[in-house]
């Protein structure tokens, strides 16, 4: 068994064929290549969701504990989302903005939120996306309410 690793949705999307089929279910990444010919619903069902987030399709079918056990054997890693969070903190020297980048940009882009063209210092942080998003919201709210003051 390989060591679980982190994947972006863009990386998972590259694994979308019969010889290399990854999918995401509940933010976990699964290599379903070996299960393709064994799937009770046929190969086409898996090929339709190859390289994508298949959570909705998986849940709609109503898979039970047996499917969950089989799925756990295909687990290869976690989905991390890429987002750039503007911390709104000016550095005292030069007044440049500080940026934090963490392994959700494609997800934000899918929602129509512009994430390109960011400038400044960037730092990659391996933090689960839900935690990062929550912390970003807390920081923004604290800034808006005046609990944190920009320098």
N, C-alpha and C. Protein backbone atom coordinates (compact mmCIF):
# COMPACT_ATOMS: atom_id res chain seq x y z
N UNK A 1 0.83 -1.18 0.00
CA UNK A 1 0.00 0.00 0.00
C UNK A 1 0.88 1.24 0.00
N UNK A 2 0.53 2.20 -0.82
CA UNK A 2 1.32 3.42 -0.90
C UNK A 2 0.94 4.38 0.23
N UNK A 3 1.85 5.25 0.54
CA UNK A 3 1.60 6.26 1.55
C UNK A 3 0.62 7.29 1.01
N UNK A 4 -0.45 7.61 1.77
CA UNK A 4 -1.41 8.62 1.30
C UNK A 4 -0.71 9.95 1.07
N UNK A 5 -1.15 10.67 0.05
CA UNK A 5 -0.57 11.97 -0.24
C UNK A 5 -1.68 12.97 -0.52
N UNK A 6 -1.31 14.20 -0.74
CA UNK A 6 -2.26 15.27 -1.03
C UNK A 6 -2.36 15.48 -2.53
N UNK A 7 -3.58 15.71 -3.01
CA UNK A 7 -3.85 15.96 -4.42
C UNK A 7 -4.69 17.22 -4.56
N UNK A 8 -4.45 17.97 -5.62
CA UNK A 8 -5.37 19.04 -5.99
C UNK A 8 -6.37 18.43 -6.97
N UNK A 9 -7.49 19.10 -7.18
CA UNK A 9 -8.48 18.61 -8.13
C UNK A 9 -7.89 18.59 -9.54
N UNK A 10 -6.98 19.51 -9.82
CA UNK A 10 -6.32 19.54 -11.13
C UNK A 10 -5.46 18.29 -11.33
N UNK A 11 -4.79 17.83 -10.29
CA UNK A 11 -3.99 16.61 -10.39
C UNK A 11 -4.88 15.40 -10.60
N UNK A 12 -5.97 15.33 -9.86
CA UNK A 12 -6.91 14.21 -9.99
C UNK A 12 -7.47 14.16 -11.40
N UNK A 13 -7.75 15.32 -12.00
CA UNK A 13 -8.34 15.40 -13.33
C UNK A 13 -7.47 14.74 -14.40
N UNK A 14 -6.17 14.66 -14.17
CA UNK A 14 -5.26 14.03 -15.13
C UNK A 14 -5.42 12.51 -15.16
N UNK A 15 -6.01 11.95 -14.13
CA UNK A 15 -6.19 10.50 -14.01
C UNK A 15 -7.62 10.15 -14.41
N UNK A 16 -7.90 10.18 -15.71
CA UNK A 16 -9.29 10.06 -16.16
C UNK A 16 -9.51 9.01 -17.25
N UNK A 17 -8.65 8.02 -17.31
CA UNK A 17 -8.78 7.01 -18.35
C UNK A 17 -8.90 5.60 -17.80
N UNK A 18 -9.04 4.65 -18.69
CA UNK A 18 -9.20 3.26 -18.28
C UNK A 18 -7.93 2.67 -17.65
N UNK A 19 -6.78 3.23 -18.01
CA UNK A 19 -5.52 2.73 -17.46
C UNK A 19 -5.06 3.51 -16.23
N UNK A 20 -5.78 4.55 -15.88
CA UNK A 20 -5.37 5.44 -14.79
C UNK A 20 -6.60 6.24 -14.37
N UNK A 21 -7.37 5.73 -13.40
CA UNK A 21 -8.65 6.33 -13.05
C UNK A 21 -8.71 6.70 -11.57
N UNK A 22 -8.68 8.00 -11.30
CA UNK A 22 -8.82 8.50 -9.94
C UNK A 22 -10.17 9.20 -9.84
N UNK A 23 -10.71 9.24 -8.62
CA UNK A 23 -11.91 10.01 -8.36
C UNK A 23 -11.87 10.46 -6.90
N UNK A 24 -12.68 11.48 -6.62
CA UNK A 24 -12.74 12.04 -5.28
C UNK A 24 -14.12 11.77 -4.71
N UNK A 25 -14.16 11.28 -3.47
CA UNK A 25 -15.41 11.11 -2.74
C UNK A 25 -15.19 11.63 -1.33
N UNK A 26 -15.98 12.62 -0.96
CA UNK A 26 -15.88 13.27 0.36
C UNK A 26 -14.44 13.70 0.67
N UNK A 27 -13.82 14.36 -0.30
CA UNK A 27 -12.47 14.92 -0.18
C UNK A 27 -11.37 13.88 -0.01
N UNK A 28 -11.69 12.63 -0.28
CA UNK A 28 -10.67 11.57 -0.28
C UNK A 28 -10.47 11.13 -1.73
N UNK A 29 -9.22 10.86 -2.08
CA UNK A 29 -8.88 10.48 -3.46
C UNK A 29 -8.70 8.97 -3.52
N UNK A 30 -9.32 8.37 -4.55
CA UNK A 30 -9.28 6.92 -4.73
C UNK A 30 -8.76 6.58 -6.12
N UNK A 31 -7.87 5.60 -6.18
CA UNK A 31 -7.40 5.06 -7.45
C UNK A 31 -8.29 3.87 -7.78
N UNK A 32 -9.24 4.08 -8.67
CA UNK A 32 -10.25 3.06 -9.01
C UNK A 32 -9.88 2.24 -10.23
N UNK A 33 -8.65 2.37 -10.70
CA UNK A 33 -8.22 1.68 -11.92
C UNK A 33 -8.43 0.17 -11.81
N UNK A 34 -8.00 -0.41 -10.71
CA UNK A 34 -8.09 -1.87 -10.55
C UNK A 34 -9.53 -2.35 -10.36
N UNK A 35 -10.43 -1.45 -9.99
CA UNK A 35 -11.82 -1.82 -9.73
C UNK A 35 -12.72 -1.60 -10.95
N UNK A 36 -12.18 -0.97 -11.98
CA UNK A 36 -12.97 -0.58 -13.15
C UNK A 36 -13.75 -1.75 -13.74
N UNK A 37 -13.10 -2.85 -13.98
CA UNK A 37 -13.76 -4.02 -14.60
C UNK A 37 -14.63 -4.80 -13.61
N UNK A 38 -14.44 -4.55 -12.31
CA UNK A 38 -15.19 -5.27 -11.28
C UNK A 38 -16.44 -4.52 -10.82
N UNK A 39 -16.59 -3.25 -11.19
CA UNK A 39 -17.69 -2.43 -10.69
C UNK A 39 -19.04 -3.03 -11.10
N UNK A 40 -19.94 -3.29 -10.14
CA UNK A 40 -21.23 -3.91 -10.46
C UNK A 40 -22.08 -3.11 -11.45
N UNK A 41 -21.91 -1.81 -11.48
CA UNK A 41 -22.68 -0.97 -12.40
C UNK A 41 -22.04 -0.84 -13.77
N UNK A 42 -20.89 -1.47 -13.96
CA UNK A 42 -20.20 -1.41 -15.24
C UNK A 42 -19.12 -0.34 -15.27
N UNK A 43 -18.26 -0.44 -16.26
CA UNK A 43 -17.14 0.49 -16.41
C UNK A 43 -17.61 1.92 -16.68
N UNK A 44 -18.66 2.06 -17.48
CA UNK A 44 -19.11 3.39 -17.89
C UNK A 44 -19.46 4.28 -16.70
N UNK A 45 -19.99 3.68 -15.65
CA UNK A 45 -20.37 4.45 -14.46
C UNK A 45 -19.14 5.14 -13.87
N UNK A 46 -18.04 4.41 -13.77
CA UNK A 46 -16.82 4.99 -13.22
C UNK A 46 -16.15 5.94 -14.21
N UNK A 47 -16.20 5.61 -15.48
CA UNK A 47 -15.58 6.48 -16.49
C UNK A 47 -16.27 7.84 -16.56
N UNK A 48 -17.56 7.90 -16.25
CA UNK A 48 -18.28 9.18 -16.25
C UNK A 48 -17.76 10.13 -15.19
N UNK A 49 -17.26 9.60 -14.09
CA UNK A 49 -16.78 10.45 -13.00
C UNK A 49 -15.26 10.41 -12.86
N UNK A 50 -14.59 9.79 -13.81
CA UNK A 50 -13.14 9.68 -13.76
C UNK A 50 -12.49 11.06 -13.71
N UNK A 51 -11.58 11.24 -12.77
CA UNK A 51 -10.85 12.50 -12.66
C UNK A 51 -11.64 13.64 -12.06
N UNK A 52 -12.79 13.35 -11.44
CA UNK A 52 -13.64 14.41 -10.89
C UNK A 52 -14.03 14.09 -9.45
N UNK A 53 -14.78 15.01 -8.85
CA UNK A 53 -15.37 14.78 -7.54
C UNK A 53 -16.65 13.98 -7.76
N UNK A 54 -16.65 12.74 -7.36
CA UNK A 54 -17.77 11.82 -7.60
C UNK A 54 -18.67 11.66 -6.38
N UNK A 55 -18.54 12.54 -5.41
CA UNK A 55 -19.30 12.42 -4.16
C UNK A 55 -20.80 12.36 -4.41
N UNK A 56 -21.31 13.30 -5.20
CA UNK A 56 -22.75 13.35 -5.44
C UNK A 56 -23.24 12.08 -6.13
N UNK A 57 -22.52 11.63 -7.15
CA UNK A 57 -22.90 10.41 -7.88
C UNK A 57 -22.85 9.20 -6.95
N UNK A 58 -21.84 9.13 -6.11
CA UNK A 58 -21.69 8.01 -5.17
C UNK A 58 -22.84 7.98 -4.17
N UNK A 59 -23.18 9.15 -3.62
CA UNK A 59 -24.24 9.24 -2.63
C UNK A 59 -25.63 9.00 -3.23
N UNK A 60 -25.84 9.45 -4.46
CA UNK A 60 -27.14 9.27 -5.12
C UNK A 60 -27.51 7.81 -5.28
N UNK A 61 -26.52 6.97 -5.52
CA UNK A 61 -26.77 5.54 -5.72
C UNK A 61 -27.11 4.86 -4.39
N UNK A 62 -26.68 5.45 -3.30
CA UNK A 62 -26.96 4.87 -2.00
C UNK A 62 -26.07 3.69 -1.66
N UNK A 63 -24.79 3.83 -1.92
CA UNK A 63 -23.83 2.77 -1.61
C UNK A 63 -23.86 2.48 -0.11
N UNK A 64 -23.71 1.24 0.25
CA UNK A 64 -23.73 0.83 1.65
C UNK A 64 -22.35 0.58 2.21
N UNK A 65 -22.33 -0.12 3.33
CA UNK A 65 -21.07 -0.40 4.03
C UNK A 65 -20.12 -1.26 3.20
N UNK A 66 -20.67 -2.17 2.41
CA UNK A 66 -19.82 -3.03 1.58
C UNK A 66 -19.04 -2.19 0.57
N UNK A 67 -19.74 -1.26 -0.07
CA UNK A 67 -19.08 -0.38 -1.04
C UNK A 67 -18.05 0.50 -0.35
N UNK A 68 -18.38 0.98 0.85
CA UNK A 68 -17.44 1.82 1.59
C UNK A 68 -16.17 1.04 1.95
N UNK A 69 -16.33 -0.23 2.32
CA UNK A 69 -15.15 -1.07 2.63
C UNK A 69 -14.29 -1.29 1.39
N UNK A 70 -14.95 -1.58 0.26
CA UNK A 70 -14.20 -1.76 -0.99
C UNK A 70 -13.49 -0.46 -1.36
N UNK A 71 -14.17 0.65 -1.19
CA UNK A 71 -13.60 1.95 -1.53
C UNK A 71 -12.37 2.25 -0.68
N UNK A 72 -12.44 1.88 0.59
CA UNK A 72 -11.31 2.18 1.49
C UNK A 72 -10.01 1.52 1.02
N UNK A 73 -10.12 0.40 0.31
CA UNK A 73 -8.94 -0.29 -0.20
C UNK A 73 -8.31 0.46 -1.38
N UNK A 74 -9.07 1.36 -1.99
CA UNK A 74 -8.59 2.11 -3.16
C UNK A 74 -8.05 3.49 -2.78
N UNK A 75 -8.10 3.82 -1.50
CA UNK A 75 -7.69 5.15 -1.00
C UNK A 75 -6.21 5.41 -1.28
N UNK A 76 -5.92 6.59 -1.86
CA UNK A 76 -4.53 6.97 -2.12
C UNK A 76 -4.16 8.32 -1.52
N UNK A 77 -5.15 9.10 -1.07
CA UNK A 77 -4.80 10.39 -0.48
C UNK A 77 -5.99 11.29 -0.23
N UNK A 78 -5.67 12.54 0.11
CA UNK A 78 -6.68 13.55 0.45
C UNK A 78 -6.68 14.65 -0.60
N UNK A 79 -7.85 15.22 -0.82
CA UNK A 79 -7.97 16.37 -1.71
C UNK A 79 -7.68 17.62 -0.91
N UNK A 80 -6.76 18.44 -1.41
CA UNK A 80 -6.52 19.75 -0.82
C UNK A 80 -6.86 20.76 -1.90
N UNK A 81 -7.46 21.83 -1.49
CA UNK A 81 -7.89 22.84 -2.44
C UNK A 81 -6.91 23.99 -2.40
N UNK A 82 -6.74 24.63 -3.52
CA UNK A 82 -5.76 25.70 -3.64
C UNK A 82 -6.45 27.05 -3.57
N UNK A 83 -6.10 27.83 -2.61
CA UNK A 83 -6.71 29.16 -2.47
C UNK A 83 -5.64 30.17 -2.09
N UNK A 84 -5.84 31.35 -2.52
CA UNK A 84 -4.96 32.45 -2.13
C UNK A 84 -5.79 33.36 -1.24
N UNK A 85 -5.34 33.53 -0.04
CA UNK A 85 -6.07 34.34 0.93
C UNK A 85 -5.30 35.62 1.17
N UNK A 86 -5.92 36.73 0.89
CA UNK A 86 -5.30 38.02 1.15
C UNK A 86 -5.51 38.33 2.62
N UNK A 87 -4.45 38.44 3.37
CA UNK A 87 -4.56 38.61 4.80
C UNK A 87 -4.86 40.05 5.22
N UNK A 88 -4.81 40.99 4.28
CA UNK A 88 -5.13 42.38 4.55
C UNK A 88 -4.26 43.01 5.62
N UNK A 89 -3.07 42.46 5.78
CA UNK A 89 -2.14 43.04 6.75
C UNK A 89 -1.02 43.73 5.99
N UNK A 90 -0.91 45.04 6.15
CA UNK A 90 0.16 45.75 5.47
C UNK A 90 1.45 45.60 6.27
N UNK A 91 2.51 45.34 5.54
CA UNK A 91 3.80 45.28 6.20
C UNK A 91 4.24 46.70 6.50
N UNK A 92 4.81 46.90 7.67
CA UNK A 92 5.20 48.25 8.06
C UNK A 92 6.25 48.84 7.13
N UNK A 93 7.08 48.01 6.54
CA UNK A 93 8.09 48.52 5.63
C UNK A 93 7.59 48.44 4.19
N UNK A 94 7.32 49.56 3.59
CA UNK A 94 6.93 49.61 2.19
C UNK A 94 5.44 49.48 1.94
N UNK A 95 4.67 49.10 2.91
CA UNK A 95 3.23 49.03 2.73
C UNK A 95 2.76 47.96 1.77
N UNK A 96 3.58 46.93 1.50
CA UNK A 96 3.15 45.87 0.59
C UNK A 96 2.17 44.96 1.32
N UNK A 97 1.31 44.32 0.54
CA UNK A 97 0.35 43.40 1.12
C UNK A 97 1.00 42.02 1.26
N UNK A 98 0.67 41.30 2.30
CA UNK A 98 1.19 39.96 2.53
C UNK A 98 0.13 38.96 2.08
N UNK A 99 0.54 37.97 1.32
CA UNK A 99 -0.38 36.96 0.80
C UNK A 99 -0.01 35.61 1.38
N UNK A 100 -1.01 34.81 1.62
CA UNK A 100 -0.79 33.43 2.06
C UNK A 100 -1.44 32.52 1.04
N UNK A 101 -0.70 31.57 0.52
CA UNK A 101 -1.26 30.64 -0.46
C UNK A 101 -1.21 29.24 0.13
N UNK A 102 -2.28 28.53 0.04
CA UNK A 102 -2.34 27.21 0.63
C UNK A 102 -2.87 26.19 -0.35
N UNK A 103 -2.37 24.91 -0.28
CA UNK A 103 -2.88 23.82 -1.09
C UNK A 103 -4.30 23.51 -0.74
N UNK A 104 -7.87 25.81 -3.11
CA UNK A 104 -9.24 25.99 -3.34
C UNK A 104 -9.32 26.91 -4.58
N UNK A 105 -8.05 27.38 -5.45
CA UNK A 105 -8.26 28.38 -6.49
C UNK A 105 -9.17 27.84 -7.55
N UNK A 106 -9.01 26.55 -7.93
CA UNK A 106 -9.88 25.98 -8.96
C UNK A 106 -11.32 25.92 -8.48
N UNK A 107 -11.54 25.69 -7.19
CA UNK A 107 -12.90 25.66 -6.67
C UNK A 107 -13.51 27.05 -6.64
N UNK A 108 -12.71 28.02 -6.25
CA UNK A 108 -13.20 29.39 -6.24
C UNK A 108 -13.47 29.86 -7.66
N UNK A 109 -12.60 29.50 -8.58
CA UNK A 109 -12.79 29.89 -9.97
C UNK A 109 -14.08 29.28 -10.52
N UNK A 110 -14.37 28.05 -10.10
CA UNK A 110 -15.60 27.40 -10.55
C UNK A 110 -16.83 28.14 -10.03
N UNK A 111 -16.68 28.82 -8.92
CA UNK A 111 -17.78 29.60 -8.36
C UNK A 111 -17.78 31.04 -8.90
N UNK A 112 -16.84 31.34 -9.79
CA UNK A 112 -16.78 32.67 -10.39
C UNK A 112 -16.00 33.68 -9.58
N UNK A 113 -15.20 33.22 -8.64
CA UNK A 113 -14.40 34.13 -7.81
C UNK A 113 -13.02 34.22 -8.42
N UNK A 114 -12.59 35.43 -8.75
CA UNK A 114 -11.30 35.62 -9.40
C UNK A 114 -10.16 35.35 -8.42
N UNK A 115 -9.23 34.51 -8.82
CA UNK A 115 -8.08 34.21 -7.97
C UNK A 115 -6.77 34.47 -8.68
N UNK A 116 -6.81 34.84 -9.95
CA UNK A 116 -5.57 35.06 -10.68
C UNK A 116 -5.08 36.48 -10.49
N UNK A 117 -3.83 36.69 -10.79
CA UNK A 117 -3.25 38.03 -10.74
C UNK A 117 -2.84 38.48 -9.36
N UNK A 118 -2.75 37.59 -8.41
CA UNK A 118 -2.34 37.97 -7.07
C UNK A 118 -0.83 38.22 -7.08
N UNK A 119 -0.42 39.20 -6.33
CA UNK A 119 0.99 39.54 -6.28
C UNK A 119 1.44 39.63 -4.84
N UNK A 120 2.74 39.65 -4.67
CA UNK A 120 3.29 39.77 -3.33
C UNK A 120 3.92 38.47 -2.89
N UNK A 121 4.26 38.42 -1.62
CA UNK A 121 4.88 37.21 -1.07
C UNK A 121 3.85 36.10 -1.00
N UNK A 122 4.24 34.89 -1.36
CA UNK A 122 3.33 33.75 -1.31
C UNK A 122 4.00 32.62 -0.54
N UNK A 123 3.22 31.93 0.22
CA UNK A 123 3.75 30.83 1.01
C UNK A 123 2.78 29.65 0.89
N UNK A 124 3.31 28.45 0.60
CA UNK A 124 2.47 27.26 0.52
C UNK A 124 2.33 26.66 1.91
N UNK A 125 1.11 26.36 2.27
CA UNK A 125 0.83 25.81 3.58
C UNK A 125 -0.01 24.55 3.41
N UNK A 126 0.40 23.45 3.96
CA UNK A 126 -0.36 22.21 3.84
C UNK A 126 -1.40 22.07 4.93
N UNK A 127 -2.45 22.83 4.84
CA UNK A 127 -3.52 22.83 5.84
C UNK A 127 -4.79 22.35 5.16
N UNK A 128 -5.57 21.47 5.79
CA UNK A 128 -6.84 21.06 5.18
C UNK A 128 -7.70 22.26 4.84
N UNK A 129 -8.34 22.20 3.69
CA UNK A 129 -9.05 23.34 3.13
C UNK A 129 -10.16 23.87 4.03
N UNK A 130 -10.90 23.01 4.71
CA UNK A 130 -12.00 23.49 5.56
C UNK A 130 -11.46 24.35 6.70
N UNK A 131 -10.37 23.91 7.30
CA UNK A 131 -9.76 24.67 8.38
C UNK A 131 -9.24 26.01 7.87
N UNK A 132 -8.57 25.98 6.73
CA UNK A 132 -8.03 27.20 6.15
C UNK A 132 -9.14 28.20 5.82
N UNK A 133 -10.20 27.72 5.22
CA UNK A 133 -11.32 28.59 4.87
C UNK A 133 -11.93 29.19 6.13
N UNK A 134 -12.14 28.39 7.16
CA UNK A 134 -12.70 28.88 8.41
C UNK A 134 -11.79 29.94 9.03
N UNK A 135 -10.49 29.68 9.06
CA UNK A 135 -9.56 30.64 9.64
C UNK A 135 -9.52 31.94 8.83
N UNK A 136 -9.58 31.82 7.51
CA UNK A 136 -9.62 33.01 6.67
C UNK A 136 -10.85 33.86 6.95
N UNK A 137 -11.99 33.21 7.11
CA UNK A 137 -13.22 33.93 7.43
C UNK A 137 -13.14 34.60 8.79
N UNK A 138 -12.55 33.91 9.76
CA UNK A 138 -12.40 34.49 11.10
C UNK A 138 -11.50 35.71 11.06
N UNK A 139 -10.39 35.63 10.34
CA UNK A 139 -9.47 36.77 10.23
C UNK A 139 -10.16 37.94 9.55
N UNK A 140 -10.87 37.69 8.45
CA UNK A 140 -11.57 38.77 7.74
C UNK A 140 -12.63 39.40 8.63
N UNK A 141 -13.39 38.59 9.36
CA UNK A 141 -14.42 39.11 10.26
C UNK A 141 -13.78 39.94 11.37
N UNK A 142 -12.68 39.45 11.94
CA UNK A 142 -11.99 40.18 12.99
C UNK A 142 -11.47 41.52 12.48
N UNK A 143 -10.97 41.55 11.24
CA UNK A 143 -10.51 42.81 10.65
C UNK A 143 -11.68 43.77 10.46
N UNK A 144 -12.78 43.26 9.96
CA UNK A 144 -13.95 44.11 9.72
C UNK A 144 -14.52 44.67 11.01
N UNK A 145 -14.52 43.88 12.07
CA UNK A 145 -15.08 44.32 13.35
C UNK A 145 -14.08 45.10 14.20
N UNK A 146 -12.85 45.20 13.73
CA UNK A 146 -11.86 46.01 14.43
C UNK A 146 -11.09 45.29 15.52
N UNK A 147 -11.22 43.98 15.63
CA UNK A 147 -10.47 43.24 16.64
C UNK A 147 -9.00 43.12 16.27
N UNK A 148 -8.71 43.19 14.99
CA UNK A 148 -7.34 43.18 14.48
C UNK A 148 -7.15 44.47 13.70
N UNK A 149 -6.05 45.14 13.94
CA UNK A 149 -5.80 46.39 13.22
C UNK A 149 -4.65 46.20 12.26
N UNK A 150 -4.83 46.68 11.02
CA UNK A 150 -3.76 46.64 10.03
C UNK A 150 -2.71 47.65 10.43
N UNK A 151 -1.45 47.29 10.24
CA UNK A 151 -0.35 48.20 10.59
C UNK A 151 -0.21 49.28 9.56
